[in-house]
N, C-alpha and C. Protein backbone atom coordinates (compact mmCIF):
# COMPACT_ATOMS: atom_id res chain seq x y z
N MET A 1 73.64 79.14 4.83
CA MET A 1 74.29 80.38 5.16
C MET A 1 75.39 80.70 4.16
N ASN A 2 76.13 79.68 3.75
CA ASN A 2 77.19 79.86 2.77
C ASN A 2 76.62 80.26 1.42
N ASN A 3 75.44 79.73 1.07
CA ASN A 3 74.78 80.08 -0.18
C ASN A 3 74.35 81.54 -0.19
N GLU A 4 73.91 82.05 0.96
CA GLU A 4 73.49 83.45 1.03
C GLU A 4 74.64 84.39 0.70
N ARG A 5 75.81 84.06 1.21
CA ARG A 5 76.98 84.89 0.96
C ARG A 5 77.30 84.90 -0.53
N HIS A 6 77.26 83.76 -1.18
CA HIS A 6 77.53 83.69 -2.61
C HIS A 6 76.46 84.42 -3.41
N ASP A 7 75.19 84.32 -2.97
CA ASP A 7 74.11 85.04 -3.66
C ASP A 7 74.32 86.54 -3.55
N ASN A 8 74.69 87.01 -2.38
CA ASN A 8 74.92 88.45 -2.19
C ASN A 8 76.08 88.93 -3.06
N ARG A 9 77.10 88.14 -3.15
CA ARG A 9 78.24 88.51 -3.98
C ARG A 9 77.84 88.55 -5.45
N PHE A 10 77.05 87.62 -5.87
CA PHE A 10 76.59 87.59 -7.25
C PHE A 10 75.79 88.85 -7.57
N TRP A 11 74.82 89.19 -6.72
CA TRP A 11 73.98 90.35 -6.99
C TRP A 11 74.78 91.65 -6.90
N PHE A 12 75.73 91.70 -6.00
CA PHE A 12 76.59 92.89 -5.90
C PHE A 12 77.42 93.03 -7.18
N GLY A 13 78.01 91.95 -7.66
CA GLY A 13 78.78 91.97 -8.90
C GLY A 13 77.91 92.30 -10.10
N PHE A 14 76.71 91.77 -10.10
CA PHE A 14 75.77 92.05 -11.18
C PHE A 14 75.44 93.55 -11.21
N PHE A 15 75.21 94.14 -10.05
CA PHE A 15 74.88 95.57 -9.94
C PHE A 15 76.06 96.43 -10.40
N ILE A 16 77.27 96.11 -9.93
CA ILE A 16 78.46 96.88 -10.32
C ILE A 16 78.69 96.76 -11.82
N GLY A 17 78.54 95.58 -12.38
CA GLY A 17 78.70 95.39 -13.83
C GLY A 17 77.70 96.20 -14.62
N GLY A 18 76.46 96.22 -14.17
CA GLY A 18 75.42 97.02 -14.85
C GLY A 18 75.72 98.50 -14.77
N LEU A 19 76.19 98.95 -13.60
CA LEU A 19 76.52 100.37 -13.42
C LEU A 19 77.68 100.77 -14.33
N LEU A 20 78.73 99.97 -14.37
CA LEU A 20 79.87 100.26 -15.25
C LEU A 20 79.45 100.23 -16.72
N GLY A 21 78.59 99.31 -17.08
CA GLY A 21 78.09 99.24 -18.46
C GLY A 21 77.32 100.49 -18.82
N ALA A 22 76.47 100.98 -17.91
CA ALA A 22 75.70 102.19 -18.17
C ALA A 22 76.60 103.41 -18.33
N ILE A 23 77.62 103.50 -17.47
CA ILE A 23 78.56 104.63 -17.56
C ILE A 23 79.31 104.57 -18.88
N LEU A 24 79.77 103.40 -19.26
CA LEU A 24 80.49 103.23 -20.52
C LEU A 24 79.60 103.58 -21.71
N LEU A 25 78.36 103.14 -21.67
CA LEU A 25 77.41 103.44 -22.74
C LEU A 25 77.18 104.94 -22.83
N PHE A 26 77.08 105.62 -21.69
CA PHE A 26 76.87 107.07 -21.69
C PHE A 26 78.04 107.79 -22.34
N PHE A 27 79.28 107.43 -21.94
CA PHE A 27 80.46 108.13 -22.44
C PHE A 27 80.78 107.79 -23.90
N MET A 28 80.47 106.62 -24.33
CA MET A 28 80.83 106.23 -25.69
C MET A 28 79.65 106.29 -26.67
N GLY A 29 78.43 106.27 -26.18
CA GLY A 29 77.29 106.13 -27.07
C GLY A 29 76.47 107.39 -27.27
N THR A 30 76.70 108.44 -26.48
CA THR A 30 75.88 109.65 -26.63
C THR A 30 76.78 110.84 -26.92
N LYS A 31 76.20 111.86 -27.58
CA LYS A 31 76.95 113.07 -27.86
C LYS A 31 77.34 113.78 -26.57
N GLU A 32 76.40 113.85 -25.63
CA GLU A 32 76.69 114.50 -24.35
C GLU A 32 77.78 113.75 -23.61
N GLY A 33 77.76 112.45 -23.67
CA GLY A 33 78.78 111.63 -23.02
C GLY A 33 80.15 111.87 -23.61
N LYS A 34 80.21 111.98 -24.96
CA LYS A 34 81.49 112.25 -25.62
C LYS A 34 82.02 113.63 -25.24
N LYS A 35 81.10 114.62 -25.20
CA LYS A 35 81.51 115.97 -24.79
C LYS A 35 82.02 115.96 -23.35
N THR A 36 81.27 115.28 -22.50
CA THR A 36 81.66 115.19 -21.09
C THR A 36 83.01 114.48 -20.96
N GLY A 37 83.21 113.44 -21.75
CA GLY A 37 84.49 112.72 -21.75
C GLY A 37 85.65 113.61 -22.16
N LYS A 38 85.43 114.43 -23.19
CA LYS A 38 86.47 115.35 -23.65
C LYS A 38 86.79 116.40 -22.58
N VAL A 39 85.73 116.92 -21.93
CA VAL A 39 85.93 117.91 -20.87
C VAL A 39 86.73 117.28 -19.72
N LEU A 40 86.33 116.06 -19.34
CA LEU A 40 87.06 115.38 -18.26
C LEU A 40 88.50 115.09 -18.66
N GLU A 41 88.72 114.74 -19.91
CA GLU A 41 90.08 114.48 -20.38
C GLU A 41 90.92 115.74 -20.31
N GLU A 42 90.37 116.87 -20.76
CA GLU A 42 91.10 118.14 -20.72
C GLU A 42 91.42 118.55 -19.29
N LYS A 43 90.41 118.41 -18.42
CA LYS A 43 90.64 118.76 -17.02
C LYS A 43 91.70 117.85 -16.39
N GLY A 44 91.66 116.58 -16.77
CA GLY A 44 92.66 115.64 -16.27
C GLY A 44 94.06 116.00 -16.73
N LYS A 45 94.18 116.38 -18.01
CA LYS A 45 95.49 116.79 -18.53
C LYS A 45 95.99 118.04 -17.83
N ASP A 46 95.07 119.02 -17.63
CA ASP A 46 95.45 120.24 -16.93
C ASP A 46 95.92 119.93 -15.51
N LEU A 47 95.18 119.07 -14.85
CA LEU A 47 95.53 118.69 -13.48
C LEU A 47 96.88 117.99 -13.45
N LEU A 48 97.12 117.08 -14.39
CA LEU A 48 98.41 116.39 -14.45
C LEU A 48 99.55 117.36 -14.74
N GLU A 49 99.31 118.30 -15.64
CA GLU A 49 100.34 119.28 -15.98
C GLU A 49 100.66 120.15 -14.77
N LYS A 50 99.62 120.60 -14.07
CA LYS A 50 99.80 121.43 -12.89
C LYS A 50 100.55 120.66 -11.81
N ARG A 51 100.15 119.42 -11.60
CA ARG A 51 100.80 118.60 -10.58
C ARG A 51 102.24 118.31 -10.98
N GLY A 52 102.46 118.12 -12.27
CA GLY A 52 103.83 117.89 -12.75
C GLY A 52 104.73 119.08 -12.49
N LYS A 53 104.20 120.28 -12.72
CA LYS A 53 104.98 121.50 -12.45
C LYS A 53 105.29 121.62 -10.96
N GLU A 54 104.31 121.27 -10.13
CA GLU A 54 104.53 121.32 -8.68
C GLU A 54 105.62 120.32 -8.27
N LEU A 55 105.58 119.13 -8.87
CA LEU A 55 106.59 118.12 -8.54
C LEU A 55 107.98 118.56 -8.99
N VAL A 56 108.05 119.20 -10.16
CA VAL A 56 109.34 119.70 -10.64
C VAL A 56 109.88 120.76 -9.69
N LYS A 57 108.99 121.65 -9.26
CA LYS A 57 109.40 122.71 -8.32
C LYS A 57 109.90 122.11 -7.01
N GLN A 58 109.18 121.11 -6.49
CA GLN A 58 109.61 120.44 -5.26
C GLN A 58 110.95 119.75 -5.46
N GLY A 59 111.13 119.14 -6.63
CA GLY A 59 112.40 118.49 -6.94
C GLY A 59 113.56 119.48 -6.96
N GLU A 60 113.32 120.65 -7.53
CA GLU A 60 114.36 121.69 -7.56
C GLU A 60 114.72 122.14 -6.15
N GLU A 61 113.70 122.31 -5.30
CA GLU A 61 113.95 122.73 -3.91
C GLU A 61 114.77 121.67 -3.17
N ILE A 62 114.41 120.41 -3.38
CA ILE A 62 115.15 119.33 -2.72
C ILE A 62 116.58 119.30 -3.23
N LYS A 63 116.75 119.50 -4.54
CA LYS A 63 118.09 119.51 -5.13
C LYS A 63 118.94 120.60 -4.51
N GLU A 64 118.36 121.80 -4.34
CA GLU A 64 119.10 122.91 -3.74
C GLU A 64 119.50 122.59 -2.31
N GLN A 65 118.59 121.98 -1.56
CA GLN A 65 118.90 121.60 -0.17
C GLN A 65 120.05 120.60 -0.13
N VAL A 66 120.00 119.61 -1.02
CA VAL A 66 121.04 118.59 -1.04
C VAL A 66 122.39 119.21 -1.41
N VAL A 67 122.39 120.09 -2.40
CA VAL A 67 123.63 120.75 -2.82
C VAL A 67 124.21 121.57 -1.67
N ASP A 68 123.35 122.31 -0.95
CA ASP A 68 123.82 123.10 0.18
C ASP A 68 124.42 122.20 1.26
N GLU A 69 123.74 121.09 1.56
CA GLU A 69 124.25 120.18 2.57
C GLU A 69 125.59 119.57 2.15
N ILE A 70 125.70 119.24 0.87
CA ILE A 70 126.96 118.67 0.38
C ILE A 70 128.08 119.69 0.50
N LYS A 71 127.80 120.95 0.18
CA LYS A 71 128.82 121.99 0.30
C LYS A 71 129.28 122.13 1.75
N GLU A 72 128.31 122.11 2.68
CA GLU A 72 128.66 122.22 4.10
C GLU A 72 129.53 121.04 4.53
N LYS A 73 129.13 119.84 4.14
CA LYS A 73 129.89 118.65 4.50
C LYS A 73 131.28 118.70 3.88
N LYS A 74 131.36 119.18 2.64
CA LYS A 74 132.65 119.28 1.96
C LYS A 74 133.58 120.21 2.73
N GLU A 75 133.05 121.35 3.16
CA GLU A 75 133.86 122.29 3.92
C GLU A 75 134.31 121.68 5.24
N ASP A 76 133.39 120.99 5.92
CA ASP A 76 133.75 120.34 7.19
C ASP A 76 134.84 119.30 6.97
N LEU A 77 134.67 118.48 5.93
CA LEU A 77 135.66 117.44 5.65
C LEU A 77 137.01 118.04 5.25
N THR A 78 136.97 119.12 4.49
CA THR A 78 138.20 119.78 4.08
C THR A 78 138.94 120.31 5.30
N ASP A 79 138.20 120.95 6.20
CA ASP A 79 138.82 121.47 7.42
C ASP A 79 139.41 120.34 8.26
N ALA A 80 138.67 119.26 8.40
CA ALA A 80 139.15 118.13 9.20
C ALA A 80 140.39 117.51 8.55
N ALA A 81 140.36 117.37 7.22
CA ALA A 81 141.51 116.79 6.52
C ALA A 81 142.74 117.69 6.66
N ALA A 82 142.55 118.99 6.54
CA ALA A 82 143.66 119.93 6.68
C ALA A 82 144.24 119.86 8.09
N GLU A 83 143.39 119.74 9.07
CA GLU A 83 143.83 119.65 10.46
C GLU A 83 144.66 118.37 10.68
N LYS A 84 144.17 117.25 10.14
CA LYS A 84 144.90 115.99 10.28
C LYS A 84 146.22 116.04 9.53
N LEU A 85 146.22 116.68 8.38
CA LEU A 85 147.45 116.80 7.60
C LEU A 85 148.48 117.64 8.36
N ASP A 86 148.04 118.74 8.96
CA ASP A 86 148.94 119.57 9.76
C ASP A 86 149.53 118.77 10.92
N THR A 87 148.69 117.98 11.57
CA THR A 87 149.16 117.14 12.69
C THR A 87 150.18 116.13 12.20
N ALA A 88 149.91 115.50 11.07
CA ALA A 88 150.83 114.50 10.52
C ALA A 88 152.15 115.14 10.12
N LEU A 89 152.10 116.32 9.50
CA LEU A 89 153.33 117.01 9.12
C LEU A 89 154.14 117.42 10.34
N ALA A 90 153.46 117.84 11.39
CA ALA A 90 154.16 118.20 12.63
C ALA A 90 154.85 116.96 13.22
N GLN A 91 154.19 115.82 13.16
CA GLN A 91 154.79 114.57 13.64
C GLN A 91 156.02 114.20 12.80
N ILE A 92 155.89 114.36 11.49
CA ILE A 92 157.01 114.04 10.60
C ILE A 92 158.20 114.95 10.91
N GLU A 93 157.95 116.24 11.10
CA GLU A 93 159.03 117.18 11.43
C GLU A 93 159.69 116.79 12.76
N LYS A 94 158.87 116.39 13.71
CA LYS A 94 159.39 115.98 15.01
C LYS A 94 160.28 114.73 14.86
N LEU A 95 159.82 113.77 14.05
CA LEU A 95 160.60 112.56 13.81
C LEU A 95 161.92 112.89 13.09
N GLN A 96 161.87 113.84 12.15
CA GLN A 96 163.09 114.23 11.44
C GLN A 96 164.10 114.85 12.41
N GLU A 97 163.60 115.70 13.28
CA GLU A 97 164.49 116.32 14.27
C GLU A 97 165.10 115.26 15.18
N GLN A 98 164.26 114.30 15.60
CA GLN A 98 164.77 113.22 16.45
C GLN A 98 165.80 112.38 15.70
N SER A 99 165.55 112.16 14.40
CA SER A 99 166.50 111.38 13.60
C SER A 99 167.84 112.09 13.48
N VAL A 100 167.79 113.39 13.28
CA VAL A 100 169.03 114.16 13.18
C VAL A 100 169.80 114.08 14.50
N GLU A 101 169.11 114.23 15.60
CA GLU A 101 169.75 114.15 16.92
C GLU A 101 170.32 112.76 17.17
N THR A 102 169.56 111.73 16.80
CA THR A 102 170.03 110.35 16.99
C THR A 102 171.26 110.09 16.15
N THR A 103 171.24 110.57 14.90
CA THR A 103 172.39 110.40 14.01
C THR A 103 173.62 111.09 14.60
N LYS A 104 173.46 112.30 15.10
CA LYS A 104 174.58 113.03 15.72
C LYS A 104 175.11 112.25 16.91
N HIS A 105 174.20 111.73 17.71
CA HIS A 105 174.59 110.99 18.91
C HIS A 105 175.35 109.72 18.52
N ILE A 106 174.87 109.00 17.50
CA ILE A 106 175.54 107.78 17.05
C ILE A 106 176.92 108.11 16.51
N ARG A 107 177.04 109.16 15.71
CA ARG A 107 178.35 109.55 15.15
C ARG A 107 179.32 109.92 16.27
N GLN A 108 178.81 110.65 17.25
CA GLN A 108 179.70 111.06 18.34
C GLN A 108 180.15 109.85 19.15
N ARG A 109 179.26 108.95 19.36
CA ARG A 109 179.57 107.82 20.24
C ARG A 109 180.43 106.77 19.55
N PHE A 110 180.09 106.42 18.30
CA PHE A 110 180.78 105.33 17.65
C PHE A 110 181.85 105.75 16.64
N PHE A 111 181.75 106.94 16.13
CA PHE A 111 182.67 107.36 15.07
C PHE A 111 183.41 108.64 15.43
N LYS A 112 183.72 108.85 16.69
CA LYS A 112 184.35 110.12 17.06
C LYS A 112 185.79 110.22 16.55
N ASN A 113 186.48 109.12 16.39
CA ASN A 113 187.87 109.16 15.94
C ASN A 113 188.01 108.99 14.44
N THR A 114 186.91 108.76 13.72
CA THR A 114 186.96 108.54 12.29
C THR A 114 186.92 109.91 11.59
N PRO A 115 187.84 110.14 10.65
CA PRO A 115 187.80 111.42 9.94
C PRO A 115 186.59 111.46 8.98
N LYS A 116 186.06 112.66 8.81
CA LYS A 116 184.90 112.85 7.92
C LYS A 116 185.36 112.91 6.48
N ARG A 117 184.58 112.33 5.58
CA ARG A 117 184.87 112.40 4.16
C ARG A 117 184.30 113.67 3.58
N ARG A 118 184.98 114.14 2.58
CA ARG A 118 184.49 115.36 1.94
C ARG A 118 184.16 115.12 0.53
């Protein structure tokens, strides 16, 4: 049974090798084969060129989408950063006001009899 499998593989390989040899002989050994090869080559180049243009067009579309998304994200991040900055500045102003009040309170409590320098 194992020999049958190897025999089948041998004959299948032999058949494929003969078929490829015949195709190669046709394309390289006959005038019609050479003409057919040139036609296939030209059609292949045309197909590759057309597909290349399609891929470039798709790439441009993807690039535009990415740029648009980046612009949107940039605007969102800018707005968020501006909002956080405003909040931080408001906190700083609040702390400054508290510091001024605390300083006044300390001066009044501990230095009320001390003359001010000019």
